[in-house]
Amino acid sequence: MEIIQTDDVAKLLKVCKRTVQNNAKDGIFPPKVCMRYGRKYFFDRDALLEWLFSGQAQAVGMGV
């Protein structure tokens, strides 16, 4: 398991950091992918990639 931050997710998805933050705040990412600690969001890179390529992300408009 590799933990990455919002900046890294934004680069991976080729979107702005604010988009990732808003999607995390709105609960777009499943709990196994995104965790919040204080004001910051942290992501499990492997779970994120698995979620993105499973097709579930396509349903909420986060497809790559």
C-alpha atoms as a PDB file:
ATOM      1  CA  MET A   1       0.000   0.000   0.000  1.00  0.00           C
ATOM      2  CA  GLU A   2       1.333   3.370  -1.038  1.00  0.00           C
ATOM      3  CA  ILE A   3      -0.273   6.485   0.444  1.00  0.00           C
ATOM      4  CA  ILE A   4      -0.379   9.516  -1.834  1.00  0.00           C
ATOM      5  CA  GLN A   5      -1.705  13.040  -1.366  1.00  0.00           C
ATOM      6  CA  THR A   6      -4.100  15.207  -3.326  1.00  0.00           C
ATOM      7  CA  ASP A   7      -1.357  16.674  -5.555  1.00  0.00           C
ATOM      8  CA  ASP A   8      -0.275  13.209  -6.658  1.00  0.00           C
ATOM      9  CA  VAL A   9      -3.853  12.144  -7.431  1.00  0.00           C
ATOM     10  CA  ALA A  10      -4.387  15.320  -9.456  1.00  0.00           C
ATOM     11  CA  LYS A  11      -1.296  14.574 -11.540  1.00  0.00           C
ATOM     12  CA  LEU A  12      -2.354  10.951 -11.993  1.00  0.00           C
ATOM     13  CA  LEU A  13      -5.866  11.906 -13.136  1.00  0.00           C
ATOM     14  CA  LYS A  14      -4.694  14.998 -15.044  1.00  0.00           C
ATOM     15  CA  VAL A  15      -7.097  17.306 -13.238  1.00  0.00           C
ATOM     16  CA  CYS A  16      -6.537  20.227 -10.900  1.00  0.00           C
ATOM     17  CA  LYS A  17      -5.946  19.707  -7.201  1.00  0.00           C
ATOM     18  CA  ARG A  18      -9.194  21.492  -6.327  1.00  0.00           C
ATOM     19  CA  THR A  19     -11.212  18.999  -8.400  1.00  0.00           C
ATOM     20  CA  VAL A  20      -9.745  16.113  -6.423  1.00  0.00           C
ATOM     21  CA  GLN A  21     -10.454  17.912  -3.136  1.00  0.00           C
ATOM     22  CA  ASN A  22     -14.056  18.646  -4.116  1.00  0.00           C
ATOM     23  CA  ASN A  23     -14.666  15.070  -5.233  1.00  0.00           C
ATOM     24  CA  ALA A  24     -13.177  13.749  -1.997  1.00  0.00           C
ATOM     25  CA  LYS A  25     -15.328  16.142   0.033  1.00  0.00           C
ATOM     26  CA  ASP A  26     -18.453  15.112  -1.894  1.00  0.00           C
ATOM     27  CA  GLY A  27     -17.773  11.421  -1.257  1.00  0.00           C
ATOM     28  CA  ILE A  28     -17.087  10.479  -4.874  1.00  0.00           C
ATOM     29  CA  PHE A  29     -14.141   8.302  -3.850  1.00  0.00           C
ATOM     30  CA  PRO A  30     -14.996   5.152  -1.883  1.00  0.00           C
ATOM     31  CA  PRO A  31     -13.775   4.942   1.736  1.00  0.00           C
ATOM     32  CA  LYS A  32     -11.120   2.329   0.906  1.00  0.00           C
ATOM     33  CA  VAL A  33      -9.562   4.785  -1.561  1.00  0.00           C
ATOM     34  CA  CYS A  34      -9.746   8.123   0.241  1.00  0.00           C
ATOM     35  CA  MET A  35      -9.128   8.951   3.895  1.00  0.00           C
ATOM     36  CA  ARG A  36      -9.250  12.296   5.622  1.00  0.00           C
ATOM     37  CA  TYR A  37      -6.935  13.299   8.420  1.00  0.00           C
ATOM     38  CA  GLY A  38      -7.545  16.794   9.693  1.00  0.00           C
ATOM     39  CA  ARG A  39      -7.928  19.032   6.669  1.00  0.00           C
ATOM     40  CA  LYS A  40      -5.959  16.815   4.303  1.00  0.00           C
ATOM     41  CA  TYR A  41      -7.041  13.912   2.144  1.00  0.00           C
ATOM     42  CA  PHE A  42      -4.873  10.861   1.640  1.00  0.00           C
ATOM     43  CA  PHE A  43      -5.331   8.142  -0.951  1.00  0.00           C
ATOM     44  CA  ASP A  44      -4.327   4.503  -1.208  1.00  0.00           C
ATOM     45  CA  ARG A  45      -2.691   4.472  -4.648  1.00  0.00           C
ATOM     46  CA  ASP A  46      -3.343   0.780  -5.338  1.00  0.00           C
ATOM     47  CA  ALA A  47      -6.995   1.004  -4.285  1.00  0.00           C
ATOM     48  CA  LEU A  48      -7.417   4.171  -6.361  1.00  0.00           C
ATOM     49  CA  LEU A  49      -6.064   2.533  -9.505  1.00  0.00           C
ATOM     50  CA  GLU A  50      -8.159  -0.574  -8.908  1.00  0.00           C
ATOM     51  CA  TRP A  51     -11.287   1.569  -8.474  1.00  0.00           C
ATOM     52  CA  LEU A  52     -10.532   3.646 -11.577  1.00  0.00           C
ATOM     53  CA  PHE A  53     -10.051   0.649 -13.843  1.00  0.00           C
ATOM     54  CA  SER A  54     -12.929  -1.411 -12.413  1.00  0.00           C
ATOM     55  CA  GLY A  55     -15.497   0.720 -14.216  1.00  0.00           C
ATOM     56  CA  GLN A  56     -17.082   2.049 -11.025  1.00  0.00           C
ATOM     57  CA  ALA A  57     -15.315   5.362 -11.499  1.00  0.00           C
ATOM     58  CA  GLN A  58     -16.836   5.662 -14.981  1.00  0.00           C
ATOM     59  CA  ALA A  59     -20.313   5.731 -13.422  1.00  0.00           C
ATOM     60  CA  VAL A  60     -19.483   8.864 -11.401  1.00  0.00           C
ATOM     61  CA  GLY A  61     -17.560  10.639 -14.157  1.00  0.00           C
ATOM     62  CA  MET A  62     -14.045  10.018 -12.844  1.00  0.00           C
ATOM     63  CA  GLY A  63     -12.920   7.781 -15.679  1.00  0.00           C
ATOM     64  CA  VAL A  64      -9.436   8.048 -17.094  1.00  0.00           C
END
